[in-house]
Amino acid sequence: MTVVSSYVAQVKPGRAEEALALCRQAAKVVERLGGHNVRLLRGQSGETYGALVMSTEYDSEEAWGAGYDALMSDDELISLMSRAESADAPYLTQVVSSATEIPLGKKAAKRGNVMTVTISRPNPGRFEDAIALGTKASRLFAKSGGSSRLFSMGYAGTQTGTLVMTTEFKNMAALGKAGDDFMTDPKGQDVFALVTGTDSPVTLLSQDVFIEVPL
């Protein structure tokens, strides 16, 4: 089962290019040590605006653990971490978390240049209902060209136990069209009413937009 490790960093004003360069160097090390589908994204909304997110995938919990061990014993990565955590680092804050994918179907997810990230917390006793809601929403977005994945946050501080749904689109125009389609589709309206109603299986925590940055 796929495990995704995410590194999130807020960038200091005027230090974006330096922060990007540091992330790109780290991505090469992560790939060399067995991480795959390494990606870098930049926040475009809310509290995550301007933040950088580097995500890495592993095929299992064991592979994720082995990858972590390898990273923590690699001299090049340790040097990069020292730079990232120094007083002169280009970052303000940094967060590391992991999440396990919950399959939504047999089709492989498609990558896009724009990604929405919705974080919610299942209400007590409603975990299965929350998964069903995510599955229904993913099918609606798929009708508009979106490709969704669902994750359960593991080692993630106060967000442990939350669900993260990512949906990728070709560009911002495609994302906007999907929003129009969702809110004019009776099934989409039903999902919106459920999420915002008193019987919702989840408590919505955040929803943000990210764009992919070439590595």
Protein backbone atom coordinates (compact mmCIF):
# COMPACT_ATOMS: atom_id res chain seq x y z
CA MET A 1 0.00 0.00 0.00
CA THR A 2 1.46 3.33 -1.08
CA VAL A 3 2.89 5.60 1.62
CA VAL A 4 3.58 9.26 0.88
CA SER A 5 6.09 11.28 2.88
CA SER A 6 5.61 15.05 2.63
CA TYR A 7 7.95 17.87 3.51
CA VAL A 8 6.25 21.27 3.84
CA ALA A 9 8.18 24.51 4.26
CA GLN A 10 7.12 28.14 4.42
CA VAL A 11 9.57 30.32 2.54
CA LYS A 12 11.10 33.53 3.89
CA PRO A 13 10.37 36.67 1.85
CA GLY A 14 12.88 37.13 -0.96
CA ARG A 15 14.34 33.63 -0.57
CA ALA A 16 12.15 31.65 -2.99
CA GLU A 17 14.86 30.80 -5.52
CA GLU A 18 17.25 29.62 -2.81
CA ALA A 19 14.51 27.53 -1.21
CA LEU A 20 13.65 25.94 -4.57
CA ALA A 21 17.30 25.11 -5.23
CA LEU A 22 17.61 23.41 -1.84
CA CYS A 23 14.48 21.33 -2.47
CA ARG A 24 15.75 20.27 -5.89
CA GLN A 25 19.04 19.12 -4.40
CA ALA A 26 17.20 17.14 -1.73
CA ALA A 27 14.90 15.54 -4.33
CA LYS A 28 17.90 14.08 -6.15
CA VAL A 29 19.14 12.49 -2.93
CA VAL A 30 15.69 11.09 -2.12
CA GLU A 31 15.43 9.50 -5.56
CA ARG A 32 18.94 8.09 -5.27
CA LEU A 33 17.95 6.40 -2.01
CA GLY A 34 14.82 4.70 -3.33
CA GLY A 35 12.01 7.26 -3.17
CA HIS A 36 9.88 7.51 -6.29
CA ASN A 37 7.36 9.90 -7.83
CA VAL A 38 9.17 12.75 -6.08
CA ARG A 39 7.29 16.01 -6.70
CA LEU A 40 7.55 19.65 -5.72
CA LEU A 41 4.47 21.88 -5.43
CA ARG A 42 3.86 25.48 -4.41
CA GLY A 43 0.85 26.66 -2.42
CA GLN A 44 -1.49 29.09 -4.15
CA SER A 45 -4.13 29.73 -1.50
CA GLY A 46 -4.89 30.18 2.19
CA GLU A 47 -2.25 29.72 4.88
CA THR A 48 -0.19 27.57 2.52
CA TYR A 49 0.27 30.36 -0.05
CA GLY A 50 3.92 30.41 -1.09
CA ALA A 51 4.76 27.22 0.82
CA LEU A 52 6.74 24.47 -0.88
CA VAL A 53 5.66 20.84 -0.61
CA MET A 54 7.97 18.01 -1.61
CA SER A 55 6.28 14.61 -1.66
CA THR A 56 7.88 11.19 -2.06
CA GLU A 57 6.16 7.84 -2.51
CA TYR A 58 7.10 4.40 -1.19
CA ASP A 59 5.49 1.04 -1.96
CA SER A 60 4.83 0.08 1.68
CA GLU A 61 5.29 1.13 5.30
CA GLU A 62 8.44 -0.99 5.45
CA ALA A 63 9.86 0.66 2.33
CA TRP A 64 9.07 4.07 3.81
CA GLY A 65 10.87 3.15 7.04
CA ALA A 66 13.88 1.79 5.17
CA GLY A 67 13.98 4.95 3.06
CA TYR A 68 13.94 7.10 6.18
CA ASP A 69 16.84 5.13 7.68
CA ALA A 70 18.82 5.58 4.48
CA LEU A 71 18.14 9.32 4.37
CA MET A 72 19.17 9.85 7.98
CA SER A 73 22.52 8.18 7.35
CA ASP A 74 23.33 9.93 4.07
CA ASP A 75 26.00 12.60 4.42
CA GLU A 76 24.70 14.68 1.52
CA LEU A 77 21.18 14.85 2.92
CA ILE A 78 22.40 15.60 6.44
CA SER A 79 24.36 18.52 5.00
CA LEU A 80 21.24 19.80 3.21
CA MET A 81 19.20 19.44 6.41
CA SER A 82 21.76 21.47 8.30
CA ARG A 83 21.44 24.26 5.74
CA ALA A 84 17.63 24.07 5.87
CA GLU A 85 17.59 24.31 9.67
CA SER A 86 20.30 26.93 10.11
CA ALA A 87 19.72 30.51 11.26
CA ASP A 88 20.25 31.63 7.65
CA ALA A 89 17.90 29.05 6.13
CA PRO A 90 15.51 30.20 3.40
CA TYR A 91 12.63 28.59 5.31
CA LEU A 92 10.52 29.95 8.16
CA THR A 93 8.92 26.70 9.31
CA GLN A 94 9.14 23.07 8.23
CA VAL A 95 6.78 20.12 8.72
CA VAL A 96 7.27 16.44 7.86
CA SER A 97 4.35 13.99 7.74
CA SER A 98 3.37 10.63 6.29
CA ALA A 99 0.11 9.31 4.85
CA THR A 100 -1.14 5.95 3.61
CA GLU A 101 -3.22 5.76 0.44
CA ILE A 102 -6.77 4.45 0.57
CA PRO A 103 -7.58 3.05 -2.90
CA LEU A 104 -10.54 4.71 -4.61
CA GLY A 105 -10.64 2.35 -7.58
CA LYS A 106 -8.61 0.26 -9.98
CA LYS A 107 -7.55 3.07 -12.33
CA ALA A 108 -4.16 4.64 -11.74
CA ALA A 109 -4.27 8.31 -10.83
CA LYS A 110 -3.24 10.81 -13.51
CA ARG A 111 -0.85 13.66 -12.80
CA GLY A 112 -1.74 17.26 -13.51
CA ASN A 113 -0.09 20.65 -13.14
CA VAL A 114 -2.69 21.82 -10.59
CA MET A 115 -3.71 19.98 -7.43
CA THR A 116 -6.44 20.67 -4.90
CA VAL A 117 -5.87 19.32 -1.39
CA THR A 118 -8.86 18.85 0.91
CA ILE A 119 -8.26 17.86 4.53
CA SER A 120 -11.10 16.60 6.71
CA ARG A 121 -11.47 14.73 9.98
CA PRO A 122 -13.91 11.78 10.07
CA ASN A 123 -16.54 12.30 12.73
CA PRO A 124 -16.77 9.62 15.47
CA GLY A 125 -18.09 6.35 14.09
CA ARG A 126 -18.29 7.70 10.53
CA PHE A 127 -14.98 6.57 9.01
CA GLU A 128 -16.55 4.25 6.44
CA ASP A 129 -19.08 6.93 5.53
CA ALA A 130 -16.20 9.39 5.08
CA ILE A 131 -14.49 6.99 2.65
CA ALA A 132 -17.75 6.57 0.74
CA LEU A 133 -18.09 10.35 0.52
CA GLY A 134 -14.55 10.68 -0.83
CA THR A 135 -15.26 7.99 -3.43
CA LYS A 136 -18.43 9.75 -4.56
CA ALA A 137 -16.67 13.10 -4.84
CA SER A 138 -13.79 11.57 -6.80
CA ARG A 139 -16.21 10.16 -9.37
CA LEU A 140 -17.85 13.54 -9.83
CA PHE A 141 -14.48 15.24 -10.38
CA ALA A 142 -13.48 12.48 -12.80
CA LYS A 143 -16.40 13.48 -15.03
CA SER A 144 -14.70 16.88 -15.40
CA GLY A 145 -11.22 15.49 -16.01
CA GLY A 146 -9.97 15.48 -12.43
CA SER A 147 -7.98 12.58 -11.00
CA SER A 148 -8.33 11.97 -7.25
CA ARG A 149 -6.49 10.07 -4.54
CA LEU A 150 -7.40 9.61 -0.87
CA PHE A 151 -4.97 9.29 2.03
CA SER A 152 -5.13 8.70 5.77
CA MET A 153 -2.61 10.81 7.66
CA GLY A 154 -0.29 8.81 9.90
CA TYR A 155 2.60 10.52 11.66
CA ALA A 156 1.34 14.07 11.20
CA GLY A 157 1.09 15.80 14.57
CA THR A 158 -2.33 17.36 15.14
CA GLN A 159 -3.47 16.18 11.70
CA THR A 160 -2.96 12.49 12.52
CA GLY A 161 -6.10 10.56 11.64
CA THR A 162 -7.36 13.10 9.13
CA LEU A 163 -8.23 12.25 5.54
CA VAL A 164 -6.52 14.03 2.66
CA MET A 165 -8.09 14.02 -0.78
CA THR A 166 -5.99 15.27 -3.68
CA THR A 167 -7.46 15.99 -7.10
CA GLU A 168 -5.27 16.91 -10.05
CA PHE A 169 -6.17 18.92 -13.14
CA LYS A 170 -4.39 19.94 -16.33
CA ASN A 171 -4.47 23.64 -15.42
CA MET A 172 -6.38 26.28 -13.44
CA ALA A 173 -9.01 26.64 -16.16
CA ALA A 174 -9.76 22.92 -15.88
CA LEU A 175 -10.02 23.26 -12.10
CA GLY A 176 -12.44 26.17 -12.47
CA LYS A 177 -14.59 24.24 -14.95
CA ALA A 178 -14.71 21.28 -12.56
CA GLY A 179 -15.97 23.59 -9.82
CA ASP A 180 -18.72 24.89 -12.12
CA ASP A 181 -19.66 21.34 -13.12
CA PHE A 182 -19.70 20.15 -9.50
CA MET A 183 -22.02 22.89 -8.27
CA THR A 184 -24.47 22.56 -11.20
CA ASP A 185 -24.65 18.75 -11.03
CA PRO A 186 -27.48 17.56 -8.74
CA LYS A 187 -25.17 14.86 -7.37
CA GLY A 188 -22.52 17.47 -6.65
CA GLN A 189 -25.10 19.64 -4.91
CA ASP A 190 -26.07 16.63 -2.79
CA VAL A 191 -22.43 16.09 -1.77
CA PHE A 192 -22.04 19.79 -0.90
CA ALA A 193 -25.25 19.73 1.16
CA LEU A 194 -24.08 16.63 3.03
CA VAL A 195 -20.63 18.03 3.83
CA THR A 196 -22.07 21.30 5.12
CA GLY A 197 -25.04 19.71 6.90
CA THR A 198 -25.54 18.43 10.44
CA ASP A 199 -25.23 14.77 9.37
CA SER A 200 -21.87 15.13 7.63
CA PRO A 201 -19.50 12.18 8.14
CA VAL A 202 -16.56 14.60 8.22
CA THR A 203 -15.49 17.94 9.62
CA LEU A 204 -13.88 19.96 6.83
CA LEU A 205 -10.57 21.46 8.00
CA SER A 206 -9.02 23.04 4.91
CA GLN A 207 -9.00 23.18 1.14
CA ASP A 208 -6.08 24.57 -0.85
CA VAL A 209 -4.68 24.77 -4.36
CA PHE A 210 -1.10 23.88 -5.35
CA ILE A 211 0.76 24.08 -8.64
CA GLU A 212 3.59 21.75 -9.64
CA VAL A 213 7.10 23.18 -9.78
CA PRO A 214 9.55 21.41 -12.16
CA LEU A 215 12.38 19.57 -10.40
